[in-house]
Amino acid sequence: MPQPIRVTMDQAELLERCREGDELAWEMLVRQQQGRVCSIAYSYVGEQDEAFDLAQDIFVRLYKSLDTCTDPEKFPAWLTRIARNACIDHLRRRKARPPRQDIPADEMTNLAAETPTPEDEWFRSSRQKMVHRALQQLSEINREIIVLKDIQGLPLEEIAGMLDLPLGTVKSRSSRARIELARTITGMGGGPDGPGPVGAEAAV
């Protein structure tokens, strides 16, 4: 019989309990990481319902791959890598289907349930939605660097390995990506006259 889950359980113990098949531990891990996973999914697909569906697929992949995460300190990078690969696979499959009609940002708030879920809370900020809509207009490489570095907080060395690019290229791309994002947001009406920060800071 599984032992009771402690609120103060550290990441290493939580992952070990998940690997042992502890359902309560897995539920805790999902609640802990669902905001991050939904954020990554939405950054790639740009549509709320599709991001929620994709997040479920990502968690299935995570569960099946738990044995490959041997260093709890690297769990965020490991999770991000799996989520990114799932998003890329999804986008490749989506190319064979007709594109969905975009949902205006001001209508996305109507999709929330009566009792807000953690995902609903994450999507609530109009600034976040503007940033993530702007991300869809960036080049693929610039969008990925913004998502991985500025939103998910991965170090440049980790990003370089993930994208199979030289570290110097990632550094220079990072600066250009932030400039491109800021210009895109300004063009969408989110410039200095609007509330809140301009750039990736608004997405976190």
Foldseek 3Di string as FASTA:
>chain_A
DDDDDDPPDDQVVLLVCLLVVNPVSLVVVCLVCVQVLLLLQCLLQVANVRSVVLSVVLSVVCSVCSVVPPDSVCVLLVSSLSSVVSNVVVVVVCVVDDDDDHDDLVCVLVVADPDGDPNSVLSVDSLQSLLSVLLVVDDPVLSVLLCVPLVSNDDLVSVCVSVVHDSVVSVVSPVVSQVSSQVSSVVVVCHPVHDDDGGSVSND
